[in-house]
Amino acid sequence: MSHAIKAVALDLDGTLLDTIADLAAAANAMRAELGLNPLAQPRLESFVGGGMVQLVHRALTDSHDGRAHPELLEAGVDAFCRHYDAMLANTTRPYPGVVDGLQQMLSLGLKLAVVTNKPYRFSVPVLERTGLLPFFALVLGGDSLPEKKPHPLPLLHVCEYFGIAPAELLMIGDSHFDRDAALNAGSPCLLLRYGYDDIKHLACNGHIDSLVEAADFVKNAGSA
């Protein structure tokens, strides 16, 4: 049985905002401060999705599975945060269709939340500086709760906050973190093709090219 969608949770990096150039600049500024050579932006893009600490581990070691020494990690996190604070919205902008899609979702009476693995301290300012913050009734960062995506807790928290069932919450993202969080929570999920992860092999409720398509999905959900 299909359910009517009452709320939408959206990922941030690679879904709402194209943040990679600023993230990469901050990561390379961190590396330079610690005596390391810069990495190419596509390489750093492949490191995004699991939250800031994982990004710093990967950027310091130039490895998806790398684990930096605790002292190096501490220095790296400190440096990355300082540099990213200064670069947060230098080039970061909403993707095409994001504003139109969010406006259409609000016009459908949907409640909107951001669920990201990005630290809360960066999530709210970058949404504010790019004009998107007013669309959202709730913003959850990767450190807002004891667990982050792909754990279901953030999505279940959104459901509790809005007073809805997991099947009534649509997750929209661009990675396996988003798909797995939705799967674990029992929520439907749409994945955007333009994001930072290769989603071709990820089964979900649909692969889409813009948030406008997501609004159309919501209109059709529960009509069967």
C-alpha atoms as a PDB file:
ATOM      1  CA  MET A   1       0.000   0.000   0.000  1.00  0.00           C
ATOM      2  CA  SER A   2       1.344   3.443  -0.844  1.00  0.00           C
ATOM      3  CA  HIS A   3       1.157   6.330   1.603  1.00  0.00           C
ATOM      4  CA  ALA A   4       0.629  10.022   1.096  1.00  0.00           C
ATOM      5  CA  ILE A   5       3.809  11.989   1.733  1.00  0.00           C
ATOM      6  CA  LYS A   6       3.399  14.581   4.499  1.00  0.00           C
ATOM      7  CA  ALA A   7       6.995  15.745   4.951  1.00  0.00           C
ATOM      8  CA  VAL A   8      10.310  15.718   3.125  1.00  0.00           C
ATOM      9  CA  ALA A   9      13.823  15.369   4.540  1.00  0.00           C
ATOM     10  CA  LEU A  10      16.595  16.613   2.288  1.00  0.00           C
ATOM     11  CA  ASP A  11      20.340  16.106   2.334  1.00  0.00           C
ATOM     12  CA  LEU A  12      22.503  19.227   2.039  1.00  0.00           C
ATOM     13  CA  ASP A  13      25.828  18.766   0.219  1.00  0.00           C
ATOM     14  CA  GLY A  14      25.268  17.459  -3.303  1.00  0.00           C
ATOM     15  CA  THR A  15      21.475  17.697  -2.941  1.00  0.00           C
ATOM     16  CA  LEU A  16      20.467  21.262  -2.054  1.00  0.00           C
ATOM     17  CA  LEU A  17      23.815  23.014  -2.421  1.00  0.00           C
ATOM     18  CA  ASP A  18      26.852  22.578  -4.639  1.00  0.00           C
ATOM     19  CA  THR A  19      29.425  22.959  -1.869  1.00  0.00           C
ATOM     20  CA  ILE A  20      32.352  21.000  -3.268  1.00  0.00           C
ATOM     21  CA  ALA A  21      34.575  23.888  -4.382  1.00  0.00           C
ATOM     22  CA  ASP A  22      34.484  25.484  -0.921  1.00  0.00           C
ATOM     23  CA  LEU A  23      34.901  22.128   0.832  1.00  0.00           C
ATOM     24  CA  ALA A  24      37.878  21.294  -1.385  1.00  0.00           C
ATOM     25  CA  ALA A  25      39.448  24.717  -0.839  1.00  0.00           C
ATOM     26  CA  ALA A  26      39.149  24.312   2.934  1.00  0.00           C
ATOM     27  CA  ALA A  27      40.538  20.767   2.802  1.00  0.00           C
ATOM     28  CA  ASN A  28      43.520  21.874   0.734  1.00  0.00           C
ATOM     29  CA  ALA A  29      44.117  24.870   3.012  1.00  0.00           C
ATOM     30  CA  MET A  30      44.176  22.380   5.901  1.00  0.00           C
ATOM     31  CA  ARG A  31      46.633  20.164   4.035  1.00  0.00           C
ATOM     32  CA  ALA A  32      48.879  23.131   3.222  1.00  0.00           C
ATOM     33  CA  GLU A  33      48.890  24.231   6.861  1.00  0.00           C
ATOM     34  CA  LEU A  34      50.025  20.728   7.835  1.00  0.00           C
ATOM     35  CA  GLY A  35      52.728  20.562   5.151  1.00  0.00           C
ATOM     36  CA  LEU A  36      50.844  18.402   2.640  1.00  0.00           C
ATOM     37  CA  ASN A  37      50.431  18.958  -1.094  1.00  0.00           C
ATOM     38  CA  PRO A  38      46.975  19.844  -2.476  1.00  0.00           C
ATOM     39  CA  LEU A  39      44.619  17.194  -3.822  1.00  0.00           C
ATOM     40  CA  ALA A  40      42.538  17.538  -6.985  1.00  0.00           C
ATOM     41  CA  GLN A  41      38.927  18.628  -6.465  1.00  0.00           C
ATOM     42  CA  PRO A  42      37.451  15.428  -8.012  1.00  0.00           C
ATOM     43  CA  ARG A  43      39.500  13.386  -5.535  1.00  0.00           C
ATOM     44  CA  LEU A  44      38.221  15.419  -2.598  1.00  0.00           C
ATOM     45  CA  GLU A  45      34.682  15.215  -3.997  1.00  0.00           C
ATOM     46  CA  SER A  46      34.885  11.436  -3.706  1.00  0.00           C
ATOM     47  CA  PHE A  47      35.621  11.852   0.011  1.00  0.00           C
ATOM     48  CA  VAL A  48      32.401  13.776   0.811  1.00  0.00           C
ATOM     49  CA  GLY A  49      29.269  12.349   2.424  1.00  0.00           C
ATOM     50  CA  GLY A  50      30.163  10.787   5.747  1.00  0.00           C
ATOM     51  CA  GLY A  51      30.554  13.988   7.731  1.00  0.00           C
ATOM     52  CA  MET A  52      33.405  16.339   8.533  1.00  0.00           C
ATOM     53  CA  VAL A  53      35.587  13.993  10.583  1.00  0.00           C
ATOM     54  CA  GLN A  54      35.503  11.326   7.891  1.00  0.00           C
ATOM     55  CA  LEU A  55      36.332  13.959   5.264  1.00  0.00           C
ATOM     56  CA  VAL A  56      39.322  15.124   7.326  1.00  0.00           C
ATOM     57  CA  HIS A  57      40.535  11.529   7.817  1.00  0.00           C
ATOM     58  CA  ARG A  58      40.303  10.914   4.071  1.00  0.00           C
ATOM     59  CA  ALA A  59      41.767  14.258   3.037  1.00  0.00           C
ATOM     60  CA  LEU A  60      44.752  13.850   5.372  1.00  0.00           C
ATOM     61  CA  THR A  61      45.514  10.302   4.253  1.00  0.00           C
ATOM     62  CA  ASP A  62      44.343  10.597   0.619  1.00  0.00           C
ATOM     63  CA  SER A  63      42.473   7.334   1.109  1.00  0.00           C
ATOM     64  CA  HIS A  64      38.787   6.408   1.384  1.00  0.00           C
ATOM     65  CA  ASP A  65      39.631   4.010   4.211  1.00  0.00           C
ATOM     66  CA  GLY A  66      42.404   6.109   5.744  1.00  0.00           C
ATOM     67  CA  ARG A  67      42.593   6.863   9.452  1.00  0.00           C
ATOM     68  CA  ALA A  68      44.835   9.733  10.448  1.00  0.00           C
ATOM     69  CA  HIS A  69      46.883   9.547  13.663  1.00  0.00           C
ATOM     70  CA  PRO A  70      44.803  11.016  16.530  1.00  0.00           C
ATOM     71  CA  GLU A  71      47.116  14.013  16.972  1.00  0.00           C
ATOM     72  CA  LEU A  72      47.142  14.718  13.236  1.00  0.00           C
ATOM     73  CA  LEU A  73      43.363  14.310  13.101  1.00  0.00           C
ATOM     74  CA  GLU A  74      42.896  16.805  15.939  1.00  0.00           C
ATOM     75  CA  ALA A  75      45.120  19.332  14.179  1.00  0.00           C
ATOM     76  CA  GLY A  76      43.360  18.637  10.875  1.00  0.00           C
ATOM     77  CA  VAL A  77      39.858  19.138  12.285  1.00  0.00           C
ATOM     78  CA  ASP A  78      40.922  22.403  13.920  1.00  0.00           C
ATOM     79  CA  ALA A  79      42.503  23.672  10.697  1.00  0.00           C
ATOM     80  CA  PHE A  80      39.631  22.525   8.480  1.00  0.00           C
ATOM     81  CA  CYS A  81      37.025  24.210  10.695  1.00  0.00           C
ATOM     82  CA  ARG A  82      38.923  27.509  10.713  1.00  0.00           C
ATOM     83  CA  HIS A  83      39.374  27.525   6.958  1.00  0.00           C
ATOM     84  CA  TYR A  84      35.849  26.335   6.153  1.00  0.00           C
ATOM     85  CA  ASP A  85      34.348  28.977   8.443  1.00  0.00           C
ATOM     86  CA  ALA A  86      36.077  31.570   6.253  1.00  0.00           C
ATOM     87  CA  MET A  87      35.167  29.901   2.936  1.00  0.00           C
ATOM     88  CA  LEU A  88      31.683  28.596   3.752  1.00  0.00           C
ATOM     89  CA  ALA A  89      29.789  30.267   0.925  1.00  0.00           C
ATOM     90  CA  ASN A  90      32.458  31.694  -1.382  1.00  0.00           C
ATOM     91  CA  THR A  91      31.156  29.696  -4.361  1.00  0.00           C
ATOM     92  CA  THR A  92      28.431  27.511  -2.800  1.00  0.00           C
ATOM     93  CA  ARG A  93      25.063  27.939  -4.515  1.00  0.00           C
ATOM     94  CA  PRO A  94      21.755  26.035  -4.742  1.00  0.00           C
ATOM     95  CA  TYR A  95      21.531  23.603  -7.642  1.00  0.00           C
ATOM     96  CA  PRO A  96      19.185  24.471 -10.533  1.00  0.00           C
ATOM     97  CA  GLY A  97      15.602  23.594  -9.652  1.00  0.00           C
ATOM     98  CA  VAL A  98      16.164  23.605  -5.890  1.00  0.00           C
ATOM     99  CA  VAL A  99      14.301  26.819  -5.095  1.00  0.00           C
ATOM    100  CA  ASP A 100      11.445  25.984  -7.485  1.00  0.00           C
ATOM    101  CA  GLY A 101      11.201  22.462  -6.082  1.00  0.00           C
ATOM    102  CA  LEU A 102      11.147  23.641  -2.477  1.00  0.00           C
ATOM    103  CA  GLN A 103       8.501  26.252  -3.290  1.00  0.00           C
ATOM    104  CA  GLN A 104       6.353  23.599  -4.958  1.00  0.00           C
ATOM    105  CA  MET A 105       6.725  21.287  -1.960  1.00  0.00           C
ATOM    106  CA  LEU A 106       5.643  24.022   0.428  1.00  0.00           C
ATOM    107  CA  SER A 107       2.676  24.798  -1.836  1.00  0.00           C
ATOM    108  CA  LEU A 108       1.637  21.152  -1.451  1.00  0.00           C
ATOM    109  CA  GLY A 109       1.487  21.646   2.315  1.00  0.00           C
ATOM    110  CA  LEU A 110       4.613  19.587   3.013  1.00  0.00           C
ATOM    111  CA  LYS A 111       6.819  20.132   6.031  1.00  0.00           C
ATOM    112  CA  LEU A 112      10.508  20.321   5.130  1.00  0.00           C
ATOM    113  CA  ALA A 113      13.634  19.339   7.059  1.00  0.00           C
ATOM    114  CA  VAL A 114      17.343  19.189   6.302  1.00  0.00           C
ATOM    115  CA  VAL A 115      19.047  15.978   7.427  1.00  0.00           C
ATOM    116  CA  THR A 116      22.769  16.158   6.744  1.00  0.00           C
ATOM    117  CA  ASN A 117      25.951  14.588   8.066  1.00  0.00           C
ATOM    118  CA  LYS A 118      27.556  18.038   7.890  1.00  0.00           C
ATOM    119  CA  PRO A 119      28.146  19.523  11.361  1.00  0.00           C
ATOM    120  CA  TYR A 120      25.297  21.729  12.562  1.00  0.00           C
ATOM    121  CA  ARG A 121      27.695  24.665  13.050  1.00  0.00           C
ATOM    122  CA  PHE A 122      28.199  24.812   9.272  1.00  0.00           C
ATOM    123  CA  SER A 123      24.758  23.659   8.117  1.00  0.00           C
ATOM    124  CA  VAL A 124      22.625  26.533   9.393  1.00  0.00           C
ATOM    125  CA  PRO A 125      25.010  29.344   8.281  1.00  0.00           C
ATOM    126  CA  VAL A 126      25.436  27.935   4.768  1.00  0.00           C
ATOM    127  CA  LEU A 127      21.664  27.545   4.387  1.00  0.00           C
ATOM    128  CA  GLU A 128      21.204  31.089   5.645  1.00  0.00           C
ATOM    129  CA  ARG A 129      23.830  32.613   3.346  1.00  0.00           C
ATOM    130  CA  THR A 130      22.397  30.860   0.289  1.00  0.00           C
ATOM    131  CA  GLY A 131      18.815  31.912   1.080  1.00  0.00           C
ATOM    132  CA  LEU A 132      17.438  28.438   1.741  1.00  0.00           C
ATOM    133  CA  LEU A 133      17.038  28.456   5.531  1.00  0.00           C
ATOM    134  CA  PRO A 134      13.480  29.908   5.572  1.00  0.00           C
ATOM    135  CA  PHE A 135      12.173  26.865   3.678  1.00  0.00           C
ATOM    136  CA  PHE A 136      12.924  24.498   6.566  1.00  0.00           C
ATOM    137  CA  ALA A 137      11.135  23.863   9.847  1.00  0.00           C
ATOM    138  CA  LEU A 138      13.996  21.695  11.149  1.00  0.00           C
ATOM    139  CA  VAL A 139      17.728  21.337  10.466  1.00  0.00           C
ATOM    140  CA  LEU A 140      19.629  18.304  11.764  1.00  0.00           C
ATOM    141  CA  GLY A 141      23.400  18.196  11.434  1.00  0.00           C
ATOM    142  CA  GLY A 142      25.582  15.136  11.707  1.00  0.00           C
ATOM    143  CA  ASP A 143      26.255  15.988  15.345  1.00  0.00           C
ATOM    144  CA  SER A 144      22.696  16.959  16.339  1.00  0.00           C
ATOM    145  CA  LEU A 145      21.829  13.436  17.550  1.00  0.00           C
ATOM    146  CA  PRO A 146      23.800  10.448  18.900  1.00  0.00           C
ATOM    147  CA  GLU A 147      23.651   8.809  15.439  1.00  0.00           C
ATOM    148  CA  LYS A 148      23.838  10.116  11.864  1.00  0.00           C
ATOM    149  CA  LYS A 149      22.973   8.703   8.431  1.00  0.00           C
ATOM    150  CA  PRO A 150      22.913   5.831   7.462  1.00  0.00           C
ATOM    151  CA  HIS A 151      21.464   5.175  10.939  1.00  0.00           C
ATOM    152  CA  PRO A 152      17.683   5.681  10.904  1.00  0.00           C
ATOM    153  CA  LEU A 153      17.651   7.890  14.037  1.00  0.00           C
ATOM    154  CA  PRO A 154      17.745  11.269  12.211  1.00  0.00           C
ATOM    155  CA  LEU A 155      14.787  10.355  10.007  1.00  0.00           C
ATOM    156  CA  LEU A 156      12.868   8.853  12.916  1.00  0.00           C
ATOM    157  CA  HIS A 157      13.522  12.078  14.840  1.00  0.00           C
ATOM    158  CA  VAL A 158      12.063  14.079  11.940  1.00  0.00           C
ATOM    159  CA  CYS A 159       8.986  11.840  11.966  1.00  0.00           C
ATOM    160  CA  GLU A 160       8.542  12.352  15.706  1.00  0.00           C
ATOM    161  CA  TYR A 161       9.060  16.112  15.352  1.00  0.00           C
ATOM    162  CA  PHE A 162       6.421  16.378  12.635  1.00  0.00           C
ATOM    163  CA  GLY A 163       4.088  13.779  14.150  1.00  0.00           C
ATOM    164  CA  ILE A 164       4.086  11.470  11.129  1.00  0.00           C
ATOM    165  CA  ALA A 165       4.855   7.838  10.309  1.00  0.00           C
ATOM    166  CA  PRO A 166       8.152   6.897   8.576  1.00  0.00           C
ATOM    167  CA  ALA A 167       6.222   5.877   5.445  1.00  0.00           C
ATOM    168  CA  GLU A 168       4.911   9.460   5.237  1.00  0.00           C
ATOM    169  CA  LEU A 169       8.425  10.965   5.163  1.00  0.00           C
ATOM    170  CA  LEU A 170      10.265  11.207   1.837  1.00  0.00           C
ATOM    171  CA  MET A 171      14.067  11.280   1.981  1.00  0.00           C
ATOM    172  CA  ILE A 172      15.841  13.051  -0.885  1.00  0.00           C
ATOM    173  CA  GLY A 173      19.591  12.781  -1.236  1.00  0.00           C
ATOM    174  CA  ASP A 174      22.490  11.893  -3.481  1.00  0.00           C
ATOM    175  CA  SER A 175      24.294   9.019  -1.756  1.00  0.00           C
ATOM    176  CA  HIS A 176      24.148   5.590  -0.158  1.00  0.00           C
ATOM    177  CA  PHE A 177      24.060   7.334   3.239  1.00  0.00           C
ATOM    178  CA  ASP A 178      20.672   8.815   2.297  1.00  0.00           C
ATOM    179  CA  ARG A 179      19.290   5.653   0.700  1.00  0.00           C
ATOM    180  CA  ASP A 180      20.377   3.442   3.590  1.00  0.00           C
ATOM    181  CA  ALA A 181      19.006   5.840   6.224  1.00  0.00           C
ATOM    182  CA  ALA A 182      15.631   5.810   4.460  1.00  0.00           C
ATOM    183  CA  LEU A 183      15.699   2.032   4.076  1.00  0.00           C
ATOM    184  CA  ASN A 184      16.575   1.581   7.748  1.00  0.00           C
ATOM    185  CA  ALA A 185      13.816   3.977   8.821  1.00  0.00           C
ATOM    186  CA  GLY A 186      11.144   2.541   6.524  1.00  0.00           C
ATOM    187  CA  SER A 187      10.812   5.719   4.474  1.00  0.00           C
ATOM    188  CA  PRO A 188      10.663   6.191   0.689  1.00  0.00           C
ATOM    189  CA  CYS A 189      13.715   7.707  -0.965  1.00  0.00           C
ATOM    190  CA  LEU A 190      14.607   9.593  -4.134  1.00  0.00           C
ATOM    191  CA  LEU A 191      18.211  10.087  -5.265  1.00  0.00           C
ATOM    192  CA  LEU A 192      19.517  12.949  -7.396  1.00  0.00           C
ATOM    193  CA  ARG A 193      21.777  12.135 -10.317  1.00  0.00           C
ATOM    194  CA  TYR A 194      23.768  15.369 -10.101  1.00  0.00           C
ATOM    195  CA  GLY A 195      25.227  14.797  -6.618  1.00  0.00           C
ATOM    196  CA  TYR A 196      28.617  13.653  -5.370  1.00  0.00           C
ATOM    197  CA  ASP A 197      27.972   9.894  -5.213  1.00  0.00           C
ATOM    198  CA  ASP A 198      27.480   7.375  -8.025  1.00  0.00           C
ATOM    199  CA  ILE A 199      23.873   6.330  -7.491  1.00  0.00           C
ATOM    200  CA  LYS A 200      23.306   4.261 -10.645  1.00  0.00           C
ATOM    201  CA  HIS A 201      23.530   1.003  -8.701  1.00  0.00           C
ATOM    202  CA  LEU A 202      21.454   2.168  -5.720  1.00  0.00           C
ATOM    203  CA  ALA A 203      17.873   0.876  -5.711  1.00  0.00           C
ATOM    204  CA  CYS A 204      15.339   3.357  -4.321  1.00  0.00           C
ATOM    205  CA  ASN A 205      11.969   4.848  -5.270  1.00  0.00           C
ATOM    206  CA  GLY A 206      13.459   6.810  -8.133  1.00  0.00           C
ATOM    207  CA  HIS A 207      16.488   8.572  -9.606  1.00  0.00           C
ATOM    208  CA  ILE A 208      15.703  12.187 -10.470  1.00  0.00           C
ATOM    209  CA  ASP A 209      17.402  15.185 -12.061  1.00  0.00           C
ATOM    210  CA  SER A 210      15.872  17.997  -9.983  1.00  0.00           C
ATOM    211  CA  LEU A 211      13.732  18.732  -6.947  1.00  0.00           C
ATOM    212  CA  VAL A 212      10.920  19.736  -9.284  1.00  0.00           C
ATOM    213  CA  GLU A 213      10.646  16.039 -10.216  1.00  0.00           C
ATOM    214  CA  ALA A 214      10.468  15.234  -6.495  1.00  0.00           C
ATOM    215  CA  ALA A 215       7.436  17.496  -6.136  1.00  0.00           C
ATOM    216  CA  ASP A 216       5.751  15.557  -8.947  1.00  0.00           C
ATOM    217  CA  PHE A 217       6.559  12.290  -7.135  1.00  0.00           C
ATOM    218  CA  VAL A 218       4.863  13.599  -4.003  1.00  0.00           C
ATOM    219  CA  LYS A 219       1.750  14.567  -5.938  1.00  0.00           C
ATOM    220  CA  ASN A 220       1.442  11.016  -7.211  1.00  0.00           C
ATOM    221  CA  ALA A 221       2.309   9.233  -3.973  1.00  0.00           C
ATOM    222  CA  GLY A 222      -0.669   7.665  -2.250  1.00  0.00           C
ATOM    223  CA  SER A 223      -2.952   8.153  -5.241  1.00  0.00           C
ATOM    224  CA  ALA A 224      -2.899   4.507  -6.212  1.00  0.00           C
END
